[in-house]
Structures are given as structure tokens and as C-alpha cells.
């Protein structure tokens, strides 16, 4: 568990992949394998109502889940809002942070 008191709490657990999950998602797990998912849990204690981001938007009071949870691997739409030119870039449509220009 990682906690910044009053701001957030994050917990992580390793969850073994079952035979059924392996078959559903084509992981190819054999009896000799020991694979697991990392199950992350986020609890934010002081977000504004105007929060964005793939994860952040799910904490908005007006958030509507558009996932079809009946699908084997549901996907969240809206990727165009969160696309950026590189991992450290701040050029996505909903960016709130604008870092210092790169030094050549």
C-alpha cells in the first residue's frame, strides 16, 4: 500500500490467472506456468469534479460507464482525448499540465 495522507491511497495485489482466464484471453498458460495480474486499487480523497484522464474521468460525479461488460475484453472509448505525441508530452486534448520546454 502507498498512501499520501489526505490525497490518495493505492493498493496492489497479485491475482493468479486462472485456467478459464487463460482460455478466454488466449494467454496460453500451461500447468508449469505461474502468471498473475496486478490488481491495482486507487482511492483519491480530494479530487475536483472536473477531473479528466482515462482513470480520472471515472471519478467524476457525471461519469457514465460506456463499457460493454459482457464482452470478453471490454475497451474504454475516447482515446482521441488522451492521445499525445510522446509519453512525457502535454499535448493531449485535456492536458492540464504544461511542462518546461525541452532544453536542446
N, C-alpha and C. Protein backbone atom coordinates (compact mmCIF):
# COMPACT_ATOMS: atom_id res chain seq x y z
N UNK A 1 0.84 -1.18 0.00
CA UNK A 1 0.00 0.00 0.00
C UNK A 1 0.89 1.24 0.00
N UNK A 2 0.48 2.21 -0.79
CA UNK A 2 1.15 3.51 -0.84
C UNK A 2 0.10 4.55 -0.50
N UNK A 3 0.42 5.44 0.45
CA UNK A 3 -0.56 6.45 0.85
C UNK A 3 0.11 7.81 1.01
N UNK A 4 -0.55 8.81 0.49
CA UNK A 4 -0.20 10.19 0.77
C UNK A 4 -1.42 10.73 1.50
N UNK A 5 -1.32 10.78 2.83
CA UNK A 5 -2.46 11.07 3.69
C UNK A 5 -3.25 12.29 3.20
N UNK A 6 -4.55 12.08 3.04
CA UNK A 6 -5.44 13.14 2.61
C UNK A 6 -5.50 13.35 1.11
N UNK A 7 -4.60 12.68 0.36
CA UNK A 7 -4.55 12.85 -1.09
C UNK A 7 -4.98 11.57 -1.81
N UNK A 8 -4.26 10.47 -1.59
CA UNK A 8 -4.61 9.22 -2.25
C UNK A 8 -4.08 8.02 -1.48
N UNK A 9 -4.67 6.84 -1.79
CA UNK A 9 -4.21 5.56 -1.30
C UNK A 9 -4.20 4.61 -2.49
N UNK A 10 -3.12 3.88 -2.67
CA UNK A 10 -3.01 2.89 -3.74
C UNK A 10 -2.64 1.56 -3.12
N UNK A 11 -3.38 0.52 -3.47
CA UNK A 11 -3.04 -0.83 -3.02
C UNK A 11 -2.81 -1.70 -4.25
N UNK A 12 -1.94 -2.69 -4.12
CA UNK A 12 -1.64 -3.60 -5.22
C UNK A 12 -1.65 -5.03 -4.70
N UNK A 13 -2.25 -5.91 -5.47
CA UNK A 13 -2.30 -7.33 -5.13
C UNK A 13 -2.00 -8.14 -6.38
N UNK A 14 -1.27 -9.24 -6.23
CA UNK A 14 -1.05 -10.18 -7.33
C UNK A 14 -2.19 -11.19 -7.31
N UNK A 15 -2.88 -11.33 -8.44
CA UNK A 15 -4.01 -12.25 -8.54
C UNK A 15 -3.67 -13.30 -9.59
N UNK A 16 -3.58 -14.57 -9.20
CA UNK A 16 -3.22 -15.62 -10.16
C UNK A 16 -4.21 -15.68 -11.33
N UNK A 17 -3.67 -15.94 -12.53
CA UNK A 17 -4.50 -16.12 -13.72
C UNK A 17 -5.04 -17.55 -13.69
N UNK A 18 -6.35 -17.68 -13.79
CA UNK A 18 -6.99 -18.99 -13.76
C UNK A 18 -6.95 -19.65 -15.14
N UNK A 19 -7.22 -20.93 -15.16
CA UNK A 19 -7.29 -21.67 -16.43
C UNK A 19 -8.35 -21.05 -17.33
N UNK A 20 -9.50 -20.69 -16.75
CA UNK A 20 -10.59 -20.09 -17.53
C UNK A 20 -10.16 -18.75 -18.15
N UNK A 21 -9.48 -17.90 -17.38
CA UNK A 21 -8.99 -16.62 -17.91
C UNK A 21 -7.98 -16.85 -19.03
N UNK A 22 -7.11 -17.81 -18.85
CA UNK A 22 -6.11 -18.11 -19.87
C UNK A 22 -6.78 -18.51 -21.17
N UNK A 23 -7.82 -19.35 -21.08
CA UNK A 23 -8.54 -19.77 -22.28
C UNK A 23 -9.30 -18.61 -22.91
N UNK A 24 -9.96 -17.79 -22.09
CA UNK A 24 -10.74 -16.66 -22.59
C UNK A 24 -9.87 -15.65 -23.31
N UNK A 25 -8.71 -15.32 -22.76
CA UNK A 25 -7.85 -14.27 -23.29
C UNK A 25 -6.66 -14.80 -24.09
N UNK A 26 -6.63 -16.13 -24.30
CA UNK A 26 -5.55 -16.75 -25.08
C UNK A 26 -4.16 -16.47 -24.52
N UNK A 27 -4.01 -16.56 -23.19
CA UNK A 27 -2.71 -16.34 -22.58
C UNK A 27 -1.76 -17.53 -22.81
N UNK A 28 -2.33 -18.71 -23.02
CA UNK A 28 -1.50 -19.89 -23.23
C UNK A 28 -0.82 -20.38 -21.97
N UNK A 29 -1.45 -20.18 -20.82
CA UNK A 29 -0.87 -20.63 -19.55
C UNK A 29 -0.91 -22.16 -19.50
N UNK A 30 0.23 -22.75 -19.18
CA UNK A 30 0.32 -24.20 -19.05
C UNK A 30 0.40 -24.55 -17.56
N UNK A 31 0.25 -25.83 -17.21
CA UNK A 31 0.35 -26.21 -15.79
C UNK A 31 1.69 -25.84 -15.16
N UNK A 32 2.73 -25.66 -15.98
CA UNK A 32 4.05 -25.29 -15.45
C UNK A 32 4.21 -23.78 -15.24
N UNK A 33 3.24 -22.99 -15.70
CA UNK A 33 3.32 -21.53 -15.59
C UNK A 33 2.74 -21.02 -14.28
N UNK A 34 3.23 -19.90 -13.85
CA UNK A 34 2.68 -19.18 -12.69
C UNK A 34 2.56 -17.71 -13.09
N UNK A 35 1.45 -17.35 -13.70
CA UNK A 35 1.23 -15.98 -14.14
C UNK A 35 0.17 -15.32 -13.26
N UNK A 36 0.28 -14.00 -13.14
CA UNK A 36 -0.67 -13.27 -12.30
C UNK A 36 -0.95 -11.90 -12.91
N UNK A 37 -2.12 -11.36 -12.60
CA UNK A 37 -2.46 -9.98 -12.90
C UNK A 37 -2.05 -9.14 -11.70
N UNK A 38 -1.72 -7.89 -11.93
CA UNK A 38 -1.54 -6.96 -10.82
C UNK A 38 -2.85 -6.20 -10.69
N UNK A 39 -3.51 -6.37 -9.57
CA UNK A 39 -4.79 -5.72 -9.29
C UNK A 39 -4.50 -4.44 -8.50
N UNK A 40 -4.67 -3.30 -9.16
CA UNK A 40 -4.42 -2.01 -8.51
C UNK A 40 -5.73 -1.38 -8.07
N UNK A 41 -5.73 -0.83 -6.89
CA UNK A 41 -6.90 -0.14 -6.36
C UNK A 41 -6.49 1.29 -5.99
N UNK A 42 -7.22 2.26 -6.53
CA UNK A 42 -6.93 3.67 -6.28
C UNK A 42 -8.06 4.29 -5.47
N UNK A 43 -7.72 5.05 -4.47
CA UNK A 43 -8.70 5.82 -3.70
C UNK A 43 -8.16 7.24 -3.61
N UNK A 44 -8.88 8.17 -4.24
CA UNK A 44 -8.47 9.57 -4.21
C UNK A 44 -9.36 10.31 -3.23
N UNK A 45 -8.77 11.12 -2.36
CA UNK A 45 -9.52 11.75 -1.29
C UNK A 45 -9.89 13.20 -1.54
N UNK A 46 -9.30 13.85 -2.55
CA UNK A 46 -9.62 15.27 -2.73
C UNK A 46 -9.53 15.70 -4.20
N UNK A 47 -10.27 15.00 -5.06
CA UNK A 47 -10.30 15.36 -6.48
C UNK A 47 -11.34 16.44 -6.73
N UNK A 48 -11.08 17.26 -7.74
CA UNK A 48 -12.10 18.23 -8.14
C UNK A 48 -13.15 17.50 -8.98
N UNK A 49 -14.29 18.11 -9.20
CA UNK A 49 -15.33 17.50 -10.03
C UNK A 49 -14.98 17.56 -11.51
N UNK A 50 -13.95 18.30 -11.88
CA UNK A 50 -13.57 18.47 -13.28
C UNK A 50 -12.33 17.63 -13.61
N UNK A 51 -12.23 16.45 -13.03
CA UNK A 51 -11.09 15.57 -13.23
C UNK A 51 -11.21 14.87 -14.59
N UNK A 52 -10.06 14.68 -15.26
CA UNK A 52 -10.02 14.02 -16.57
C UNK A 52 -9.02 12.89 -16.54
N UNK A 53 -8.84 12.26 -17.67
CA UNK A 53 -7.89 11.16 -17.81
C UNK A 53 -8.63 9.84 -17.90
N UNK A 54 -7.95 8.84 -18.41
CA UNK A 54 -8.58 7.53 -18.58
C UNK A 54 -9.10 7.01 -17.25
N UNK A 55 -8.30 7.10 -16.21
CA UNK A 55 -8.74 6.68 -14.88
C UNK A 55 -9.52 7.79 -14.18
N UNK A 56 -9.00 9.00 -14.23
CA UNK A 56 -9.60 10.12 -13.51
C UNK A 56 -11.05 10.36 -13.85
N UNK A 57 -11.42 10.23 -15.14
CA UNK A 57 -12.80 10.51 -15.53
C UNK A 57 -13.80 9.62 -14.82
N UNK A 58 -13.37 8.44 -14.38
CA UNK A 58 -14.29 7.54 -13.70
C UNK A 58 -14.67 8.03 -12.31
N UNK A 59 -13.97 9.05 -11.81
CA UNK A 59 -14.27 9.63 -10.50
C UNK A 59 -15.16 10.87 -10.60
N UNK A 60 -15.52 11.28 -11.81
CA UNK A 60 -16.38 12.45 -11.98
C UNK A 60 -17.79 12.12 -11.52
N UNK A 61 -18.51 13.07 -10.91
CA UNK A 61 -19.88 12.79 -10.48
C UNK A 61 -20.83 12.55 -11.65
N UNK A 62 -20.49 13.05 -12.85
CA UNK A 62 -21.35 12.86 -14.02
C UNK A 62 -20.86 11.74 -14.94
N UNK A 63 -19.94 10.90 -14.46
CA UNK A 63 -19.38 9.83 -15.29
C UNK A 63 -20.43 8.78 -15.60
N UNK A 64 -20.50 8.37 -16.87
CA UNK A 64 -21.38 7.29 -17.30
C UNK A 64 -20.50 6.20 -17.90
N UNK A 65 -20.59 5.00 -17.37
CA UNK A 65 -19.80 3.88 -17.86
C UNK A 65 -20.35 3.42 -19.20
N UNK A 66 -19.53 3.51 -20.25
CA UNK A 66 -19.95 3.12 -21.59
C UNK A 66 -19.39 1.75 -21.99
N UNK A 67 -18.77 1.07 -21.06
CA UNK A 67 -18.20 -0.24 -21.36
C UNK A 67 -19.29 -1.30 -21.47
N UNK A 68 -19.12 -2.21 -22.43
CA UNK A 68 -20.00 -3.36 -22.52
C UNK A 68 -19.31 -4.48 -21.73
N UNK A 69 -19.69 -4.61 -20.47
CA UNK A 69 -19.01 -5.56 -19.58
C UNK A 69 -19.30 -7.02 -19.94
N UNK A 70 -20.20 -7.25 -20.91
CA UNK A 70 -20.48 -8.62 -21.36
C UNK A 70 -19.41 -9.11 -22.32
N UNK A 71 -18.60 -8.20 -22.86
CA UNK A 71 -17.55 -8.61 -23.80
C UNK A 71 -16.40 -9.25 -23.03
N UNK A 72 -15.68 -10.12 -23.72
CA UNK A 72 -14.55 -10.80 -23.08
C UNK A 72 -13.48 -9.80 -22.65
N UNK A 73 -13.23 -8.78 -23.47
CA UNK A 73 -12.22 -7.78 -23.15
C UNK A 73 -12.80 -6.40 -23.48
N UNK A 74 -13.59 -5.83 -22.55
CA UNK A 74 -14.20 -4.52 -22.82
C UNK A 74 -13.14 -3.43 -22.94
N UNK A 75 -13.38 -2.49 -23.83
CA UNK A 75 -12.45 -1.38 -24.06
C UNK A 75 -13.14 -0.06 -23.80
N UNK A 76 -12.42 0.87 -23.21
CA UNK A 76 -12.94 2.21 -22.97
C UNK A 76 -12.71 3.05 -24.22
N UNK A 77 -13.75 3.76 -24.67
CA UNK A 77 -13.60 4.61 -25.85
C UNK A 77 -13.11 6.00 -25.44
N UNK A 78 -12.92 6.86 -26.44
CA UNK A 78 -12.49 8.23 -26.16
C UNK A 78 -10.99 8.41 -26.19
N UNK A 79 -10.28 7.48 -26.83
CA UNK A 79 -8.81 7.54 -26.84
C UNK A 79 -8.29 8.84 -27.44
N UNK A 80 -9.02 9.42 -28.39
CA UNK A 80 -8.55 10.66 -29.04
C UNK A 80 -8.32 11.78 -28.03
N UNK A 81 -9.11 11.81 -26.97
CA UNK A 81 -8.96 12.85 -25.95
C UNK A 81 -7.67 12.70 -25.15
N UNK A 82 -7.12 11.49 -25.12
CA UNK A 82 -5.96 11.21 -24.27
C UNK A 82 -4.70 10.89 -25.06
N UNK A 83 -4.76 10.98 -26.38
CA UNK A 83 -3.58 10.72 -27.21
C UNK A 83 -2.59 11.87 -27.11
N UNK A 84 -1.31 11.54 -27.08
CA UNK A 84 -0.27 12.57 -27.06
C UNK A 84 0.88 12.11 -27.95
N UNK A 85 1.76 13.03 -28.28
CA UNK A 85 2.86 12.73 -29.20
C UNK A 85 3.96 11.87 -28.57
N UNK A 86 4.06 11.87 -27.25
CA UNK A 86 5.04 11.01 -26.56
C UNK A 86 4.62 10.85 -25.10
N UNK A 87 5.27 9.95 -24.41
CA UNK A 87 4.87 9.63 -23.04
C UNK A 87 4.97 10.82 -22.08
N UNK A 88 5.89 11.74 -22.32
CA UNK A 88 6.05 12.89 -21.44
C UNK A 88 5.44 14.17 -22.00
N UNK A 89 4.78 14.07 -23.15
CA UNK A 89 4.21 15.26 -23.80
C UNK A 89 2.95 15.71 -23.07
N UNK A 90 2.66 17.00 -23.16
CA UNK A 90 1.45 17.56 -22.54
C UNK A 90 0.50 18.08 -23.62
N UNK A 91 0.54 17.45 -24.81
CA UNK A 91 -0.25 17.94 -25.93
C UNK A 91 -1.56 17.18 -26.17
N UNK A 92 -2.07 16.47 -25.18
CA UNK A 92 -3.37 15.82 -25.36
C UNK A 92 -4.47 16.84 -25.13
N UNK A 93 -5.67 16.52 -25.63
CA UNK A 93 -6.78 17.49 -25.63
C UNK A 93 -7.17 17.97 -24.24
N UNK A 94 -6.99 17.15 -23.22
CA UNK A 94 -7.44 17.53 -21.87
C UNK A 94 -6.28 17.79 -20.91
N UNK A 95 -5.07 18.00 -21.45
CA UNK A 95 -3.89 18.23 -20.61
C UNK A 95 -4.09 19.46 -19.73
N UNK A 96 -3.73 19.34 -18.47
CA UNK A 96 -3.79 20.45 -17.53
C UNK A 96 -2.41 20.95 -17.17
N UNK A 97 -1.41 20.14 -17.47
CA UNK A 97 -0.05 20.47 -17.08
C UNK A 97 0.76 20.81 -18.32
N UNK A 98 1.52 21.84 -18.24
CA UNK A 98 2.35 22.26 -19.36
C UNK A 98 3.77 22.42 -18.84
N UNK A 99 4.57 21.36 -19.06
CA UNK A 99 5.93 21.35 -18.55
C UNK A 99 6.82 22.37 -19.21
N UNK A 100 8.02 22.45 -18.69
CA UNK A 100 9.03 23.37 -19.23
C UNK A 100 9.43 22.90 -20.63
N UNK A 101 9.72 23.83 -21.53
CA UNK A 101 10.18 23.43 -22.87
C UNK A 101 11.46 22.60 -22.76
N UNK A 102 11.61 21.67 -23.69
CA UNK A 102 12.82 20.84 -23.67
C UNK A 102 14.04 21.69 -23.96
N UNK A 103 15.12 21.37 -23.29
CA UNK A 103 16.38 22.08 -23.49
C UNK A 103 17.20 21.29 -24.49
N UNK A 104 17.63 21.94 -25.55
CA UNK A 104 18.39 21.26 -26.61
C UNK A 104 19.84 21.09 -26.22
